Amino acid sequence: MKNFKFKIKNVKLAFAILIILLFIIFLLYYHFIISKAISRNEFANQMIELSDDNENPIFSVQKILLYSSASAVDNSKDQALKDMSINQYTDISIYIDNLASSSDLTDENTVKELYIDNINITSNSDKGTKLLNYKNPLNFGKYTAIENYENDRIDFNIVRTNEENENYDYSKPTFYTDCSNPISLGYLNKDILTNYAVSGDTNSISYNGKLLKEANINLDELKYNLNFKIHIVNNLNQKFVYQISIDVDLNDDNGGIYNGYIYKGKSTSGNEYTFFREFN
């Protein structure tokens, strides 16, 4: 039986091929084994950091105030109260607590950017046109026309200094970097009833919630839910988000908004009102 011997004619070429094969094997091993292990460790570290952040939240909802009433627009030429459009509105103030984890203002608990998106309004009926947008806090509790938001997003301008505060136009969405003012929003259900005429034996009208009773508008049909996300970016460029859901019932045992207006404060105690830290 003959013995066969393998002889390499070009040692340098063979060595180069071996190095390439070893490099390819290393790349495959790194891709399928090492990189996945690193990703798992990074994910685990992020989850630990996320858990720590949410145990000591930087931002949370401190309180929510709701003022609801109604009004009307007289479309008749001679202001004879014979062609009225009836509207229901709710002014909303959302206060943010940024001092729960620290009594001082830092880059961590001050706001660089604030916006609202994913806005959704659901109601018991299709009466009227339902809108939500920023409302000038100086007009809180007063009826004002509200235009619809653009691109499903409300961006707030951030006021950072006393000088900016003195010169700012608060008809535009505004929020203080130190969270000392509320997020001010206005809900409007426009044209719930159109062509409404005041009865002939009276020449006056109630420009408040009593108007809904006078026009025989059922309050159960005006119940609604507001759902949207509040996004905060602090001065460390960390991102936080809170999904808010507000159920608004205009009725109560005492007549509710039929008495003119209804003013409510919503309790916000508990971990469910904390902003959730986001990771890119």
Protein backbone atom coordinates (compact mmCIF):
# COMPACT_ATOMS: atom_id res chain seq x y z
CA MET A 1 0.00 0.00 0.00
CA LYS A 2 1.41 3.36 -1.06
CA ASN A 3 1.68 6.28 1.34
CA PHE A 4 0.47 9.60 -0.07
CA LYS A 5 2.06 12.77 1.16
CA PHE A 6 0.33 16.15 0.79
CA LYS A 7 2.73 18.79 -0.33
CA ILE A 8 1.94 22.49 -0.38
CA LYS A 9 3.47 24.12 -3.39
CA ASN A 10 2.72 27.77 -2.36
CA VAL A 11 3.06 28.11 1.41
CA LYS A 12 2.41 31.86 1.43
CA LEU A 13 -0.86 31.49 -0.49
CA ALA A 14 -2.05 28.71 1.77
CA PHE A 15 -1.22 30.74 4.85
CA ALA A 16 -3.15 33.73 3.46
CA ILE A 17 -6.18 31.53 2.75
CA LEU A 18 -6.00 30.11 6.27
CA ILE A 19 -5.92 33.60 7.78
CA ILE A 20 -8.94 34.63 5.66
CA LEU A 21 -10.89 31.53 6.74
CA LEU A 22 -10.09 32.16 10.38
CA PHE A 23 -11.20 35.78 9.99
CA ILE A 24 -14.49 34.70 8.40
CA ILE A 25 -15.06 32.18 11.20
CA PHE A 26 -14.37 34.90 13.78
CA LEU A 27 -16.83 37.26 12.07
CA LEU A 28 -19.52 34.61 12.05
CA TYR A 29 -18.85 33.75 15.67
CA TYR A 30 -18.97 37.44 16.63
CA HIS A 31 -22.22 38.02 14.73
CA PHE A 32 -24.09 34.99 16.01
CA ILE A 33 -22.64 34.60 19.50
CA ILE A 34 -20.74 37.58 20.90
CA SER A 35 -22.88 40.42 19.47
CA LYS A 36 -26.08 38.78 20.71
CA ALA A 37 -24.59 38.40 24.17
CA ILE A 38 -23.54 42.07 24.14
CA SER A 39 -27.02 43.12 22.99
CA ARG A 40 -28.61 41.09 25.77
CA ASN A 41 -26.32 42.70 28.33
CA GLU A 42 -27.04 46.20 26.97
CA PHE A 43 -30.77 45.52 27.04
CA ALA A 44 -30.53 44.18 30.60
CA ASN A 45 -28.53 47.25 31.69
CA GLN A 46 -31.09 49.55 30.06
CA MET A 47 -33.93 47.77 31.83
CA ILE A 48 -32.11 48.11 35.16
CA GLU A 49 -31.53 51.81 34.50
CA LEU A 50 -35.13 52.22 33.36
CA SER A 51 -36.41 50.52 36.51
CA ASP A 52 -34.23 52.74 38.71
CA ASP A 53 -35.44 55.89 36.90
CA ASN A 54 -39.09 54.99 37.26
CA GLU A 55 -38.74 54.17 40.95
CA ASN A 56 -37.64 57.78 41.46
CA PRO A 57 -39.50 59.63 38.68
CA ILE A 58 -38.22 62.99 37.50
CA PHE A 59 -41.58 64.20 36.18
CA SER A 60 -45.12 63.33 37.20
CA VAL A 61 -48.62 64.75 36.85
CA GLN A 62 -49.31 66.76 40.00
CA LYS A 63 -52.96 67.67 39.40
CA ILE A 64 -55.53 68.21 36.64
CA LEU A 65 -58.18 70.95 36.75
CA LEU A 66 -61.24 70.93 34.49
CA TYR A 67 -63.65 73.82 33.96
CA SER A 68 -66.67 73.04 31.76
CA SER A 69 -69.39 75.36 30.52
CA ALA A 70 -71.22 76.30 27.32
CA SER A 71 -71.84 79.28 25.08
CA ALA A 72 -73.46 80.25 21.82
CA VAL A 73 -72.76 82.26 18.69
CA ASP A 74 -75.58 84.35 17.29
CA ASN A 75 -75.51 84.11 13.49
CA SER A 76 -78.66 86.15 12.88
CA LYS A 77 -78.11 89.45 11.08
CA ASP A 78 -79.92 91.58 13.62
CA GLN A 79 -78.67 89.68 16.68
CA ALA A 80 -82.25 88.60 17.32
CA LEU A 81 -81.26 85.27 18.96
CA LYS A 82 -83.02 83.38 16.16
CA ASP A 83 -80.03 81.60 14.61
CA MET A 84 -77.81 80.35 17.41
CA SER A 85 -74.98 77.81 17.29
CA ILE A 86 -74.50 76.16 20.68
CA ASN A 87 -71.03 75.05 21.82
CA GLN A 88 -69.74 73.20 24.86
CA TYR A 89 -66.19 73.76 26.08
CA THR A 90 -63.82 72.48 28.75
CA ASP A 91 -60.64 74.25 29.83
CA ILE A 92 -57.90 71.92 31.09
CA SER A 93 -54.88 72.70 33.26
CA ILE A 94 -52.32 69.94 33.76
CA TYR A 95 -49.69 70.65 36.42
CA ILE A 96 -46.32 68.86 36.26
CA ASP A 97 -44.30 68.03 39.39
CA ASN A 98 -40.55 68.10 38.73
CA LEU A 99 -39.29 68.47 42.32
CA ALA A 100 -40.27 65.11 43.83
CA SER A 101 -36.77 63.65 43.46
CA SER A 102 -34.86 66.92 44.00
CA SER A 103 -35.67 70.23 45.67
CA ASP A 104 -33.30 72.08 43.33
CA LEU A 105 -33.61 72.91 39.65
CA THR A 106 -31.09 71.04 37.53
CA ASP A 107 -30.61 70.10 33.89
CA GLU A 108 -32.32 66.82 34.77
CA ASN A 109 -35.62 68.24 36.03
CA THR A 110 -35.99 71.28 33.77
CA VAL A 111 -37.70 71.19 30.39
CA LYS A 112 -36.00 71.76 27.06
CA GLU A 113 -38.86 70.52 24.85
CA LEU A 114 -42.54 69.74 25.39
CA TYR A 115 -45.14 68.54 22.92
CA ILE A 116 -48.42 66.61 22.77
CA ASP A 117 -49.36 64.07 20.11
CA ASN A 118 -51.47 60.94 19.51
CA ILE A 119 -54.57 63.00 20.26
CA ASN A 120 -57.80 61.02 20.32
CA ILE A 121 -61.30 62.18 21.29
CA THR A 122 -64.10 59.66 21.78
CA SER A 123 -67.67 60.57 22.64
CA ASN A 124 -71.07 59.00 23.26
CA SER A 125 -72.47 60.73 20.18
CA ASP A 126 -71.47 62.39 16.93
CA LYS A 127 -73.07 65.70 17.85
CA GLY A 128 -70.92 68.69 16.99
CA THR A 129 -67.31 69.01 15.90
CA LYS A 130 -64.82 68.10 18.63
CA LEU A 131 -61.50 69.95 18.86
CA LEU A 132 -58.56 70.06 21.26
CA ASN A 133 -55.75 72.60 21.22
CA TYR A 134 -53.69 74.96 23.34
CA LYS A 135 -55.63 77.66 25.16
CA ASN A 136 -54.26 80.91 26.50
CA PRO A 137 -54.29 80.48 30.31
CA LEU A 138 -55.39 84.12 30.66
CA ASN A 139 -58.71 83.00 29.10
CA PHE A 140 -59.23 80.02 31.42
CA GLY A 141 -62.94 79.74 32.20
CA LYS A 142 -63.94 81.98 29.29
CA TYR A 143 -65.38 80.85 25.98
CA THR A 144 -62.99 81.37 23.07
CA ALA A 145 -62.93 79.89 19.60
CA ILE A 146 -60.43 77.07 19.13
CA GLU A 147 -58.87 75.97 15.88
CA ASN A 148 -57.87 72.38 15.24
CA TYR A 149 -54.28 71.29 15.83
CA GLU A 150 -51.98 70.68 12.88
CA ASN A 151 -50.24 67.38 12.12
CA ASP A 152 -51.71 65.71 15.22
CA ARG A 153 -49.19 67.53 17.41
CA ILE A 154 -49.08 70.59 19.70
CA ASP A 155 -45.58 72.00 20.24
CA PHE A 156 -44.99 74.26 23.23
CA ASN A 157 -42.49 77.10 23.26
CA ILE A 158 -40.28 76.91 26.34
CA VAL A 159 -39.78 80.06 28.43
CA ARG A 160 -36.37 79.94 30.14
CA THR A 161 -35.78 83.41 31.59
CA ASN A 162 -37.69 86.22 33.30
CA GLU A 163 -36.98 88.43 30.30
CA GLU A 164 -38.60 85.94 27.95
CA ASN A 165 -41.55 85.73 30.33
CA GLU A 166 -42.10 89.50 30.25
CA ASN A 167 -42.01 89.70 26.46
CA TYR A 168 -43.77 86.50 25.50
CA ASP A 169 -47.04 86.16 23.57
CA TYR A 170 -49.12 83.70 25.59
CA SER A 171 -51.63 83.25 22.80
CA LYS A 172 -49.09 80.68 21.52
CA PRO A 173 -48.41 77.36 23.29
CA THR A 174 -46.20 78.19 26.25
CA PHE A 175 -44.54 76.26 29.06
CA TYR A 176 -41.93 77.29 31.64
CA THR A 177 -38.69 75.35 31.81
CA ASP A 178 -39.10 74.99 35.61
CA CYS A 179 -42.63 73.52 35.27
CA SER A 180 -44.12 76.39 37.31
CA ASN A 181 -47.09 76.88 34.96
CA PRO A 182 -49.61 74.26 33.83
CA ILE A 183 -50.06 72.76 30.40
CA SER A 184 -53.09 74.75 29.26
CA LEU A 185 -55.49 73.11 26.80
CA GLY A 186 -58.98 73.82 25.51
CA TYR A 187 -61.58 71.32 24.37
CA LEU A 188 -64.43 72.56 22.21
CA ASN A 189 -67.49 70.73 20.93
CA LYS A 190 -68.59 73.17 18.26
CA ASP A 191 -72.08 73.44 16.76
CA ILE A 192 -73.75 70.85 18.98
CA LEU A 193 -77.00 72.46 17.93
CA THR A 194 -77.39 74.94 15.06
CA ASN A 195 -80.20 77.29 14.04
CA TYR A 196 -81.39 77.38 17.63
CA ALA A 197 -83.92 80.17 18.27
CA VAL A 198 -84.81 81.62 21.63
CA SER A 199 -88.53 81.31 22.31
CA GLY A 200 -90.66 84.33 21.47
CA ASP A 201 -91.69 85.08 25.06
CA THR A 202 -88.10 85.84 26.16
CA ASN A 203 -85.39 88.11 24.84
CA SER A 204 -82.43 86.78 26.81
CA ILE A 205 -80.16 83.75 26.78
CA SER A 206 -77.75 82.19 29.26
CA TYR A 207 -74.23 82.15 27.85
CA ASN A 208 -73.16 79.27 30.09
CA GLY A 209 -74.11 75.68 30.82
CA LYS A 210 -77.74 76.63 31.54
CA LEU A 211 -78.09 77.06 27.80
CA LEU A 212 -77.76 73.29 27.34
CA LYS A 213 -80.76 72.76 29.60
CA GLU A 214 -82.78 75.50 27.88
CA ALA A 215 -82.09 73.83 24.51
CA ASN A 216 -82.98 70.35 25.87
CA ILE A 217 -79.54 68.93 25.11
CA ASN A 218 -78.95 65.58 26.83
CA LEU A 219 -75.74 65.68 28.87
CA ASP A 220 -75.14 61.94 28.44
CA GLU A 221 -74.62 62.61 24.74
CA LEU A 222 -71.86 65.10 25.54
CA LYS A 223 -69.67 62.79 27.65
CA TYR A 224 -66.24 62.29 26.16
CA ASN A 225 -62.76 60.93 26.73
CA LEU A 226 -59.52 62.75 25.90
CA ASN A 227 -56.49 60.59 25.25
CA PHE A 228 -53.06 61.86 24.25
CA LYS A 229 -49.34 61.62 24.98
CA ILE A 230 -47.29 64.30 26.73
CA HIS A 231 -43.62 64.26 25.72
CA ILE A 232 -40.87 65.98 27.73
CA VAL A 233 -37.20 66.35 26.81
CA ASN A 234 -35.07 67.68 29.67
CA ASN A 235 -31.86 69.69 29.42
CA LEU A 236 -29.82 66.49 29.48
CA ASN A 237 -31.71 65.45 26.31
CA GLN A 238 -33.38 62.60 28.18
CA LYS A 239 -36.86 61.76 26.91
CA PHE A 240 -39.97 61.12 28.99
CA VAL A 241 -43.55 60.31 27.99
CA TYR A 242 -46.90 60.07 29.74
CA GLN A 243 -50.09 58.65 28.24
CA ILE A 244 -52.98 60.64 29.68
CA SER A 245 -56.64 59.67 29.62
CA ILE A 246 -59.34 62.03 30.92
CA ASP A 247 -63.00 61.07 31.18
CA VAL A 248 -65.25 64.13 31.27
CA ASP A 249 -68.81 63.76 32.59
CA LEU A 250 -70.82 66.98 32.60
CA ASN A 251 -73.50 65.61 34.90
CA ASP A 252 -73.73 65.00 38.64
CA ASP A 253 -76.39 64.62 41.33
CA ASN A 254 -76.76 68.40 41.62
CA GLY A 255 -77.42 69.02 37.93
CA GLY A 256 -73.82 69.43 36.81
CA ILE A 257 -73.23 71.86 33.97
CA TYR A 258 -76.97 72.64 33.80
CA ASN A 259 -76.30 74.96 36.76
CA GLY A 260 -74.01 77.11 34.62
CA TYR A 261 -70.61 75.45 34.87
CA ILE A 262 -68.82 72.56 36.53
CA TYR A 263 -65.32 72.78 38.03
CA LYS A 264 -63.47 69.61 38.97
CA GLY A 265 -60.04 68.59 40.16
CA LYS A 266 -58.74 65.16 39.27
CA SER A 267 -56.67 63.27 41.85
CA THR A 268 -53.29 62.22 40.49
CA SER A 269 -51.73 60.32 43.39
CA GLY A 270 -49.98 57.05 42.57
CA ASN A 271 -47.29 55.66 40.28
CA GLU A 272 -49.66 55.58 37.32
CA TYR A 273 -49.22 59.36 36.95
CA THR A 274 -45.44 59.33 36.50
CA PHE A 275 -43.68 60.03 33.22
CA PHE A 276 -41.96 56.99 31.73
CA ARG A 277 -38.29 57.35 30.75
CA GLU A 278 -37.70 56.53 27.09
CA PHE A 279 -34.51 55.14 25.55
CA ASN A 280 -33.50 55.85 21.95
